[in-house]
Every structure is written in C-alpha cells, then in structure tokens.
Amino acid sequence: MNIQCVKCEGATPPAKPKAPAAKAEAAAVAEEAQQTRKHEKLLDALRNERAARPEETERGRALASDPGYPSHEMLEKLAGLFVNGSK
C-alpha cells in the first residue's frame, strides 16, 4: 500500500475559541453554583421544618370525630360554590 501526504490547498486551520464563549461558560458555571447553593439552603430549611403542627393535627382529629361538622349551612355554601363557581 502506498500512502502519500496530500495537502489541501486553501484549507484554513480550525478557529480558536473566542473569549466571549469562555466568558459565557464561566457565567454559566457561576450561575449553576449559585443555584446549587440556593437548592442546598432550601433543602436545609425543609429538613429543619416540622412535618406537621401537632395543634393542627389535634384540631383535625377533633373535627373529624364531630358528627355535626361540617354544619348544614357550611355544606350548602360549599355546594353553591361548586355549582355556581366562586365568582
């Protein structure tokens, strides 16, 4: 097999990356780091939050066991909202 070097006349070398692209990439990396910090801060806040407020849980249990809740008037109003919309 005979391999010969063939030069392409008029071919230009590959272009070097331009500075604006590097700046855009650096800005994207910085933005991603900032988003990561925000995400971690929110996760920490969520981890420190109680899952339920005991007083509201107890109130819900009391209402659920009350045979008179919700009242007839409250059910009528709620039914009206469902039928007529909340205008």
N, C-alpha and C. Protein backbone atom coordinates (compact mmCIF):
# COMPACT_ATOMS: atom_id res chain seq x y z
N MET A 1 0.85 -1.16 0.00
CA MET A 1 0.00 0.00 0.00
C MET A 1 0.90 1.23 0.00
N ASN A 2 0.52 2.19 -0.81
CA ASN A 2 1.31 3.40 -0.95
C ASN A 2 0.51 4.59 -0.39
N ILE A 3 0.96 5.16 0.72
CA ILE A 3 0.26 6.29 1.33
C ILE A 3 1.08 7.54 1.09
N GLN A 4 0.42 8.54 0.54
CA GLN A 4 1.10 9.78 0.26
C GLN A 4 0.44 10.91 1.04
N CYS A 5 1.23 11.86 1.43
CA CYS A 5 0.72 13.03 2.13
C CYS A 5 0.06 13.96 1.13
N VAL A 6 -1.18 14.26 1.38
CA VAL A 6 -1.90 15.15 0.47
C VAL A 6 -2.24 16.40 1.26
N LYS A 7 -1.78 17.53 0.76
CA LYS A 7 -2.10 18.80 1.41
C LYS A 7 -3.30 19.41 0.72
N CYS A 8 -4.19 19.90 1.53
CA CYS A 8 -5.36 20.58 0.97
C CYS A 8 -5.01 22.05 0.79
N GLU A 9 -5.06 22.47 -0.43
CA GLU A 9 -4.76 23.87 -0.70
C GLU A 9 -5.96 24.73 -0.31
N GLY A 10 -5.68 25.85 0.34
CA GLY A 10 -6.74 26.79 0.71
C GLY A 10 -7.47 26.42 1.99
N ALA A 11 -7.10 25.33 2.62
CA ALA A 11 -7.77 24.94 3.87
C ALA A 11 -7.30 25.84 4.99
N THR A 12 -8.22 26.21 5.84
CA THR A 12 -7.86 27.07 6.97
C THR A 12 -7.79 26.21 8.23
N PRO A 13 -6.92 26.58 9.14
CA PRO A 13 -6.83 25.81 10.39
C PRO A 13 -8.08 26.04 11.23
N PRO A 14 -8.38 25.15 12.13
CA PRO A 14 -9.57 25.32 12.97
C PRO A 14 -9.48 26.61 13.77
N ALA A 15 -10.62 27.25 13.95
CA ALA A 15 -10.67 28.51 14.69
C ALA A 15 -10.46 28.26 16.17
N LYS A 16 -9.79 29.20 16.82
CA LYS A 16 -9.60 29.11 18.27
C LYS A 16 -10.86 29.61 18.96
N PRO A 17 -11.17 29.07 20.13
CA PRO A 17 -12.34 29.56 20.85
C PRO A 17 -12.21 31.04 21.17
N LYS A 18 -13.29 31.73 21.04
CA LYS A 18 -13.28 33.17 21.29
C LYS A 18 -13.52 33.44 22.77
N ALA A 19 -13.07 34.57 23.22
CA ALA A 19 -13.20 34.95 24.63
C ALA A 19 -14.65 35.04 25.09
N PRO A 20 -15.58 35.59 24.28
CA PRO A 20 -16.97 35.67 24.76
C PRO A 20 -17.56 34.30 25.10
N ALA A 21 -17.19 33.27 24.36
CA ALA A 21 -17.71 31.94 24.67
C ALA A 21 -17.16 31.46 26.02
N ALA A 22 -15.90 31.77 26.27
CA ALA A 22 -15.31 31.39 27.55
C ALA A 22 -15.98 32.14 28.69
N LYS A 23 -16.29 33.42 28.47
CA LYS A 23 -16.97 34.21 29.49
C LYS A 23 -18.38 33.67 29.73
N ALA A 24 -19.06 33.29 28.66
CA ALA A 24 -20.41 32.75 28.80
C ALA A 24 -20.37 31.43 29.57
N GLU A 25 -19.37 30.63 29.30
CA GLU A 25 -19.24 29.35 30.01
C GLU A 25 -18.95 29.59 31.49
N ALA A 26 -18.09 30.56 31.79
CA ALA A 26 -17.78 30.89 33.18
C ALA A 26 -19.02 31.41 33.89
N ALA A 27 -19.80 32.22 33.20
CA ALA A 27 -21.04 32.75 33.79
C ALA A 27 -22.02 31.61 34.05
N ALA A 28 -22.09 30.65 33.15
CA ALA A 28 -23.00 29.52 33.33
C ALA A 28 -22.56 28.67 34.53
N VAL A 29 -21.27 28.49 34.69
CA VAL A 29 -20.76 27.72 35.83
C VAL A 29 -21.07 28.46 37.13
N ALA A 30 -20.88 29.78 37.13
CA ALA A 30 -21.18 30.57 38.33
C ALA A 30 -22.67 30.51 38.67
N GLU A 31 -23.53 30.60 37.66
CA GLU A 31 -24.98 30.53 37.86
C GLU A 31 -25.37 29.17 38.42
N GLU A 32 -24.77 28.12 37.90
CA GLU A 32 -25.06 26.77 38.39
C GLU A 32 -24.64 26.62 39.85
N ALA A 33 -23.49 27.19 40.20
CA ALA A 33 -23.02 27.12 41.59
C ALA A 33 -23.98 27.88 42.51
N GLN A 34 -24.46 29.03 42.04
CA GLN A 34 -25.40 29.81 42.85
C GLN A 34 -26.71 29.04 43.03
N GLN A 35 -27.21 28.42 41.97
CA GLN A 35 -28.43 27.64 42.06
C GLN A 35 -28.25 26.45 43.02
N THR A 36 -27.07 25.85 42.99
CA THR A 36 -26.79 24.73 43.89
C THR A 36 -26.83 25.20 45.34
N ARG A 37 -26.23 26.37 45.61
CA ARG A 37 -26.25 26.91 46.97
C ARG A 37 -27.68 27.20 47.42
N LYS A 38 -28.49 27.78 46.54
CA LYS A 38 -29.90 28.06 46.87
C LYS A 38 -30.64 26.76 47.16
N HIS A 39 -30.40 25.76 46.33
CA HIS A 39 -31.05 24.46 46.49
C HIS A 39 -30.69 23.84 47.83
N GLU A 40 -29.41 23.88 48.18
CA GLU A 40 -28.97 23.32 49.45
C GLU A 40 -29.58 24.08 50.63
N LYS A 41 -29.68 25.39 50.51
CA LYS A 41 -30.28 26.21 51.58
C LYS A 41 -31.75 25.84 51.77
N LEU A 42 -32.47 25.66 50.66
CA LEU A 42 -33.88 25.27 50.76
C LEU A 42 -34.04 23.86 51.33
N LEU A 43 -33.16 22.96 50.95
CA LEU A 43 -33.22 21.60 51.50
C LEU A 43 -32.95 21.61 53.00
N ASP A 44 -32.00 22.43 53.44
CA ASP A 44 -31.73 22.54 54.88
C ASP A 44 -32.94 23.08 55.62
N ALA A 45 -33.58 24.10 55.05
CA ALA A 45 -34.78 24.66 55.68
C ALA A 45 -35.89 23.61 55.76
N LEU A 46 -36.03 22.82 54.70
CA LEU A 46 -37.05 21.77 54.68
C LEU A 46 -36.75 20.69 55.71
N ARG A 47 -35.48 20.33 55.84
CA ARG A 47 -35.10 19.31 56.83
C ARG A 47 -35.38 19.78 58.26
N ASN A 48 -35.28 21.08 58.49
CA ASN A 48 -35.50 21.63 59.83
C ASN A 48 -36.98 21.93 60.12
N GLU A 49 -37.83 21.83 59.11
CA GLU A 49 -39.25 22.10 59.27
C GLU A 49 -39.96 20.88 59.84
N ARG A 50 -40.85 21.12 60.79
CA ARG A 50 -41.64 20.01 61.31
C ARG A 50 -42.61 19.52 60.24
N ALA A 51 -42.85 18.24 60.21
CA ALA A 51 -43.72 17.66 59.19
C ALA A 51 -45.16 18.12 59.39
N ALA A 52 -45.60 18.23 60.63
CA ALA A 52 -46.97 18.65 60.91
C ALA A 52 -46.98 19.41 62.22
N ARG A 53 -47.91 20.33 62.32
CA ARG A 53 -48.07 21.06 63.58
C ARG A 53 -49.01 20.25 64.47
N PRO A 54 -48.56 19.84 65.63
CA PRO A 54 -49.37 18.97 66.50
C PRO A 54 -50.73 19.57 66.84
N GLU A 55 -50.77 20.88 67.06
CA GLU A 55 -52.05 21.50 67.43
C GLU A 55 -53.06 21.44 66.29
N GLU A 56 -52.58 21.57 65.05
CA GLU A 56 -53.49 21.48 63.90
C GLU A 56 -53.92 20.04 63.65
N THR A 57 -53.02 19.11 63.89
CA THR A 57 -53.38 17.69 63.75
C THR A 57 -54.47 17.32 64.74
N GLU A 58 -54.33 17.78 65.97
CA GLU A 58 -55.34 17.51 67.00
C GLU A 58 -56.67 18.16 66.65
N ARG A 59 -56.61 19.38 66.14
CA ARG A 59 -57.84 20.08 65.73
C ARG A 59 -58.55 19.29 64.61
N GLY A 60 -57.76 18.79 63.65
CA GLY A 60 -58.34 18.00 62.57
C GLY A 60 -58.98 16.72 63.07
N ARG A 61 -58.34 16.07 64.01
CA ARG A 61 -58.91 14.85 64.59
C ARG A 61 -60.23 15.15 65.32
N ALA A 62 -60.24 16.26 66.04
CA ALA A 62 -61.45 16.64 66.78
C ALA A 62 -62.60 16.93 65.80
N LEU A 63 -62.29 17.66 64.72
CA LEU A 63 -63.33 17.96 63.73
C LEU A 63 -63.81 16.69 63.03
N ALA A 64 -62.90 15.78 62.73
CA ALA A 64 -63.27 14.55 62.04
C ALA A 64 -64.18 13.68 62.91
N SER A 65 -64.00 13.74 64.21
CA SER A 65 -64.83 12.92 65.09
C SER A 65 -66.14 13.61 65.48
N ASP A 66 -66.32 14.88 65.12
CA ASP A 66 -67.53 15.63 65.44
C ASP A 66 -68.61 15.33 64.40
N PRO A 67 -69.72 14.67 64.80
CA PRO A 67 -70.76 14.33 63.83
C PRO A 67 -71.48 15.58 63.29
N GLY A 68 -71.39 16.70 63.95
CA GLY A 68 -72.06 17.91 63.49
C GLY A 68 -71.19 18.78 62.59
N TYR A 69 -69.99 18.29 62.25
CA TYR A 69 -69.10 19.08 61.40
C TYR A 69 -68.96 18.41 60.07
N PRO A 70 -69.05 19.09 59.00
CA PRO A 70 -69.41 20.50 58.84
C PRO A 70 -70.91 20.69 59.00
N SER A 71 -71.28 21.90 59.35
CA SER A 71 -72.70 22.19 59.56
C SER A 71 -73.45 22.15 58.23
N HIS A 72 -74.77 22.06 58.32
CA HIS A 72 -75.61 22.04 57.12
C HIS A 72 -75.42 23.33 56.31
N GLU A 73 -75.34 24.46 57.02
CA GLU A 73 -75.14 25.75 56.33
C GLU A 73 -73.81 25.76 55.56
N MET A 74 -72.77 25.23 56.18
CA MET A 74 -71.46 25.21 55.54
C MET A 74 -71.49 24.33 54.29
N LEU A 75 -72.18 23.18 54.37
CA LEU A 75 -72.30 22.30 53.21
C LEU A 75 -73.09 22.96 52.09
N GLU A 76 -74.14 23.71 52.43
CA GLU A 76 -74.94 24.43 51.43
C GLU A 76 -74.08 25.46 50.70
N LYS A 77 -73.28 26.21 51.46
CA LYS A 77 -72.41 27.22 50.86
C LYS A 77 -71.37 26.56 49.95
N LEU A 78 -70.81 25.48 50.40
CA LEU A 78 -69.81 24.77 49.61
C LEU A 78 -70.43 24.22 48.33
N ALA A 79 -71.63 23.66 48.44
CA ALA A 79 -72.32 23.14 47.26
C ALA A 79 -72.60 24.27 46.28
N GLY A 80 -72.99 25.43 46.80
CA GLY A 80 -73.23 26.59 45.92
C GLY A 80 -71.97 27.00 45.18
N LEU A 81 -70.84 26.95 45.85
CA LEU A 81 -69.58 27.29 45.18
C LEU A 81 -69.24 26.30 44.07
N PHE A 82 -69.50 25.03 44.34
CA PHE A 82 -69.23 24.01 43.31
C PHE A 82 -70.13 24.20 42.09
N VAL A 83 -71.40 24.48 42.36
CA VAL A 83 -72.36 24.58 41.26
C VAL A 83 -72.22 25.89 40.52
N ASN A 84 -72.12 27.00 41.23
CA ASN A 84 -72.13 28.32 40.62
C ASN A 84 -70.74 28.89 40.35
N GLY A 85 -69.73 28.31 40.87
CA GLY A 85 -68.37 28.85 40.73
C GLY A 85 -68.11 29.84 41.85
N SER A 86 -66.90 30.31 41.95
CA SER A 86 -66.53 31.21 43.03
C SER A 86 -66.44 32.64 42.54
N LYS A 87 -67.50 33.13 41.94
CA LYS A 87 -67.49 34.50 41.38
C LYS A 87 -67.67 35.52 42.42
